[in-house]
Amino acid sequence: IVDDGSRVNVINKITCDRLEITKWDACRFWLRMANTSTVRPLGLIHKLDVIIARHTFQISVVVLHLEAPSAYPLLLGRPWLKTTNIK
């Protein structure tokens, strides 16, 4: 999902488990979600390689525990949009 309103890129913990990503840095901030709830991320991953349409991007993502099945695997927010210069 691409969300031009999100201030961070987000990866679901379930996606991390499926990709066998087990290590991330501690996260010292809280996020306000679209429904106005506040959550503390599980961690922060720097320089995660993401391939989109044969282009590889290194992004930083916040790891969140999101409920499945309605949760998205990866959300690309404004940081990704800015670095890729997509309009």
N, C-alpha and C. Protein backbone atom coordinates (compact mmCIF):
# COMPACT_ATOMS: atom_id res chain seq x y z
N ILE A 1 0.86 -1.18 0.00
CA ILE A 1 0.00 0.00 0.00
C ILE A 1 0.89 1.23 0.00
N VAL A 2 0.56 2.22 -0.80
CA VAL A 2 1.24 3.51 -0.79
C VAL A 2 0.29 4.51 -0.14
N ASP A 3 0.78 5.20 0.89
CA ASP A 3 -0.05 6.13 1.64
C ASP A 3 0.68 7.46 1.76
N ASP A 4 0.24 8.46 1.01
CA ASP A 4 0.92 9.75 1.04
C ASP A 4 0.63 10.54 2.31
N GLY A 5 -0.18 10.00 3.20
CA GLY A 5 -0.45 10.65 4.48
C GLY A 5 0.38 10.08 5.62
N SER A 6 1.07 8.98 5.38
CA SER A 6 1.84 8.33 6.43
C SER A 6 3.23 8.96 6.54
N ARG A 7 3.62 9.30 7.74
CA ARG A 7 4.94 9.90 7.97
C ARG A 7 6.06 8.87 8.06
N VAL A 8 5.69 7.59 8.08
CA VAL A 8 6.68 6.52 8.16
C VAL A 8 6.32 5.40 7.20
N ASN A 9 7.31 4.58 6.86
CA ASN A 9 7.08 3.33 6.15
C ASN A 9 6.85 2.27 7.23
N VAL A 10 5.90 1.37 7.00
CA VAL A 10 5.53 0.39 8.02
C VAL A 10 5.58 -1.01 7.44
N ILE A 11 6.11 -1.94 8.25
CA ILE A 11 6.06 -3.36 7.89
C ILE A 11 5.35 -4.09 9.03
N ASN A 12 4.50 -5.03 8.67
CA ASN A 12 3.77 -5.82 9.63
C ASN A 12 4.70 -6.89 10.22
N LYS A 13 4.59 -7.17 11.50
CA LYS A 13 5.41 -8.20 12.14
C LYS A 13 5.19 -9.55 11.47
N ILE A 14 3.97 -9.82 11.02
CA ILE A 14 3.69 -11.08 10.33
C ILE A 14 4.52 -11.19 9.06
N THR A 15 4.68 -10.09 8.35
CA THR A 15 5.52 -10.07 7.15
C THR A 15 6.98 -10.33 7.53
N CYS A 16 7.44 -9.72 8.62
CA CYS A 16 8.81 -9.99 9.09
C CYS A 16 9.00 -11.47 9.38
N ASP A 17 8.02 -12.07 10.04
CA ASP A 17 8.11 -13.50 10.35
C ASP A 17 8.20 -14.33 9.07
N ARG A 18 7.38 -14.00 8.09
CA ARG A 18 7.38 -14.75 6.82
C ARG A 18 8.69 -14.60 6.06
N LEU A 19 9.31 -13.42 6.18
CA LEU A 19 10.58 -13.16 5.49
C LEU A 19 11.78 -13.53 6.36
N GLU A 20 11.51 -14.07 7.54
CA GLU A 20 12.54 -14.47 8.50
C GLU A 20 13.43 -13.30 8.92
N ILE A 21 12.82 -12.14 9.07
CA ILE A 21 13.50 -10.97 9.61
C ILE A 21 13.28 -10.99 11.11
N THR A 22 14.35 -11.19 11.86
CA THR A 22 14.20 -11.35 13.31
C THR A 22 14.89 -10.27 14.12
N LYS A 23 15.66 -9.43 13.46
CA LYS A 23 16.42 -8.41 14.19
C LYS A 23 16.04 -7.02 13.71
N TRP A 24 15.83 -6.13 14.66
CA TRP A 24 15.59 -4.73 14.37
C TRP A 24 16.04 -3.91 15.56
N ASP A 25 16.20 -2.62 15.33
CA ASP A 25 16.64 -1.72 16.38
C ASP A 25 15.46 -1.33 17.27
N ALA A 26 15.79 -0.93 18.49
CA ALA A 26 14.76 -0.45 19.41
C ALA A 26 14.15 0.83 18.86
N CYS A 27 12.91 1.03 19.17
CA CYS A 27 12.18 2.21 18.70
C CYS A 27 11.70 2.98 19.93
N ARG A 28 12.09 4.25 20.03
CA ARG A 28 11.79 5.02 21.23
C ARG A 28 10.64 6.00 21.05
N PHE A 29 9.91 5.88 19.95
CA PHE A 29 8.81 6.81 19.75
C PHE A 29 7.49 6.05 19.62
N TRP A 30 6.41 6.78 19.72
CA TRP A 30 5.06 6.25 19.57
C TRP A 30 4.48 6.79 18.27
N LEU A 31 3.53 6.07 17.69
CA LEU A 31 2.87 6.51 16.47
C LEU A 31 1.38 6.74 16.74
N ARG A 32 0.86 7.79 16.14
CA ARG A 32 -0.60 8.00 16.17
C ARG A 32 -1.15 7.44 14.87
N MET A 33 -2.07 6.50 15.02
CA MET A 33 -2.64 5.82 13.87
C MET A 33 -3.78 6.64 13.28
N ALA A 34 -4.25 6.24 12.11
CA ALA A 34 -5.33 6.96 11.42
C ALA A 34 -6.61 7.01 12.25
N ASN A 35 -6.82 6.00 13.10
CA ASN A 35 -8.01 5.98 13.95
C ASN A 35 -7.81 6.74 15.27
N THR A 36 -6.71 7.49 15.37
CA THR A 36 -6.30 8.32 16.51
C THR A 36 -5.76 7.52 17.70
N SER A 37 -5.67 6.19 17.59
CA SER A 37 -5.05 5.43 18.67
C SER A 37 -3.54 5.64 18.62
N THR A 38 -2.88 5.38 19.74
CA THR A 38 -1.43 5.52 19.82
C THR A 38 -0.82 4.15 20.06
N VAL A 39 0.22 3.81 19.28
CA VAL A 39 0.88 2.51 19.42
C VAL A 39 2.38 2.71 19.50
N ARG A 40 3.01 1.80 20.21
CA ARG A 40 4.48 1.80 20.26
C ARG A 40 4.98 0.74 19.30
N PRO A 41 5.80 1.12 18.34
CA PRO A 41 6.34 0.14 17.38
C PRO A 41 7.19 -0.91 18.08
N LEU A 42 7.26 -2.09 17.49
CA LEU A 42 8.12 -3.15 18.01
C LEU A 42 9.58 -2.84 17.74
N GLY A 43 9.85 -2.11 16.66
CA GLY A 43 11.22 -1.80 16.31
C GLY A 43 11.32 -1.01 15.02
N LEU A 44 12.57 -0.82 14.61
CA LEU A 44 12.87 -0.05 13.42
C LEU A 44 13.94 -0.80 12.62
N ILE A 45 13.67 -0.99 11.34
CA ILE A 45 14.63 -1.66 10.45
C ILE A 45 15.18 -0.61 9.50
N HIS A 46 16.49 -0.49 9.46
CA HIS A 46 17.15 0.45 8.55
C HIS A 46 17.63 -0.31 7.32
N LYS A 47 17.56 0.32 6.17
CA LYS A 47 18.09 -0.22 4.92
C LYS A 47 17.52 -1.59 4.55
N LEU A 48 16.22 -1.69 4.57
CA LEU A 48 15.55 -2.90 4.10
C LEU A 48 15.43 -2.81 2.58
N ASP A 49 15.91 -3.83 1.87
CA ASP A 49 15.81 -3.85 0.41
C ASP A 49 14.40 -4.25 -0.01
N VAL A 50 13.76 -3.41 -0.82
CA VAL A 50 12.43 -3.67 -1.34
C VAL A 50 12.51 -3.55 -2.86
N ILE A 51 12.01 -4.56 -3.56
CA ILE A 51 12.03 -4.55 -5.02
C ILE A 51 10.62 -4.26 -5.52
N ILE A 52 10.52 -3.20 -6.32
CA ILE A 52 9.24 -2.81 -6.91
C ILE A 52 9.48 -2.59 -8.40
N ALA A 53 8.79 -3.36 -9.22
CA ALA A 53 8.91 -3.25 -10.68
C ALA A 53 10.37 -3.27 -11.13
N ARG A 54 11.10 -4.24 -10.65
CA ARG A 54 12.51 -4.45 -10.99
C ARG A 54 13.45 -3.36 -10.50
N HIS A 55 12.99 -2.47 -9.65
CA HIS A 55 13.84 -1.43 -9.05
C HIS A 55 13.98 -1.75 -7.57
N THR A 56 15.22 -1.69 -7.07
CA THR A 56 15.48 -1.96 -5.67
C THR A 56 15.62 -0.65 -4.91
N PHE A 57 14.91 -0.57 -3.80
CA PHE A 57 14.96 0.60 -2.93
C PHE A 57 15.39 0.16 -1.54
N GLN A 58 16.23 0.94 -0.90
CA GLN A 58 16.57 0.69 0.50
C GLN A 58 15.76 1.67 1.33
N ILE A 59 14.93 1.12 2.20
CA ILE A 59 14.06 1.97 3.00
C ILE A 59 14.20 1.62 4.48
N SER A 60 13.84 2.56 5.31
CA SER A 60 13.70 2.32 6.74
C SER A 60 12.23 2.08 7.01
N VAL A 61 11.94 1.07 7.82
CA VAL A 61 10.55 0.74 8.13
C VAL A 61 10.37 0.58 9.63
N VAL A 62 9.19 0.93 10.09
CA VAL A 62 8.78 0.73 11.47
C VAL A 62 8.04 -0.60 11.52
N VAL A 63 8.39 -1.45 12.50
CA VAL A 63 7.74 -2.75 12.65
C VAL A 63 6.57 -2.60 13.61
N LEU A 64 5.37 -2.98 13.13
CA LEU A 64 4.17 -2.92 13.96
C LEU A 64 3.51 -4.28 14.01
N HIS A 65 2.88 -4.58 15.13
CA HIS A 65 2.06 -5.79 15.22
C HIS A 65 0.66 -5.39 14.81
N LEU A 66 0.26 -5.75 13.60
CA LEU A 66 -1.05 -5.43 13.06
C LEU A 66 -1.86 -6.70 12.94
N GLU A 67 -3.12 -6.60 13.24
CA GLU A 67 -3.99 -7.77 13.22
C GLU A 67 -4.23 -8.25 11.79
N ALA A 68 -4.09 -9.53 11.57
CA ALA A 68 -4.39 -10.14 10.27
C ALA A 68 -5.84 -10.61 10.32
N PRO A 69 -6.53 -10.82 9.27
CA PRO A 69 -6.07 -10.78 7.89
C PRO A 69 -6.23 -9.42 7.23
N SER A 70 -6.84 -8.46 7.90
CA SER A 70 -7.11 -7.18 7.24
C SER A 70 -5.89 -6.27 7.18
N ALA A 71 -4.85 -6.61 7.91
CA ALA A 71 -3.66 -5.78 7.94
C ALA A 71 -2.86 -5.91 6.65
N TYR A 72 -2.17 -4.86 6.30
CA TYR A 72 -1.34 -4.84 5.10
C TYR A 72 0.06 -5.34 5.44
N PRO A 73 0.77 -5.96 4.48
CA PRO A 73 2.12 -6.46 4.74
C PRO A 73 3.16 -5.35 4.80
N LEU A 74 3.00 -4.31 3.96
CA LEU A 74 3.97 -3.22 3.88
C LEU A 74 3.26 -1.95 3.45
N LEU A 75 3.54 -0.87 4.14
CA LEU A 75 2.96 0.42 3.78
C LEU A 75 4.11 1.36 3.45
N LEU A 76 4.08 1.91 2.26
CA LEU A 76 5.09 2.87 1.84
C LEU A 76 4.51 4.27 2.02
N GLY A 77 5.14 5.05 2.88
CA GLY A 77 4.65 6.38 3.20
C GLY A 77 5.45 7.48 2.52
N ARG A 78 5.32 8.68 3.09
CA ARG A 78 5.99 9.85 2.51
C ARG A 78 7.50 9.72 2.42
N PRO A 79 8.19 9.05 3.38
CA PRO A 79 9.65 8.92 3.21
C PRO A 79 10.03 8.22 1.91
N TRP A 80 9.29 7.17 1.56
CA TRP A 80 9.57 6.46 0.30
C TRP A 80 9.21 7.32 -0.89
N LEU A 81 8.07 7.97 -0.84
CA LEU A 81 7.66 8.84 -1.94
C LEU A 81 8.67 9.95 -2.20
N LYS A 82 9.22 10.51 -1.12
CA LYS A 82 10.19 11.60 -1.28
C LYS A 82 11.50 11.10 -1.88
N THR A 83 12.00 9.96 -1.41
CA THR A 83 13.29 9.48 -1.93
C THR A 83 13.19 9.00 -3.37
N THR A 84 12.01 8.53 -3.78
CA THR A 84 11.85 8.06 -5.16
C THR A 84 11.42 9.14 -6.10
N ASN A 85 11.05 10.28 -5.55
CA ASN A 85 10.62 11.44 -6.33
C ASN A 85 9.37 11.14 -7.16
N ILE A 86 8.50 10.31 -6.60
CA ILE A 86 7.26 9.95 -7.28
C ILE A 86 6.23 11.04 -7.04
N LYS A 87 5.47 11.35 -8.09
CA LYS A 87 4.43 12.38 -7.96
C LYS A 87 3.09 11.80 -8.29
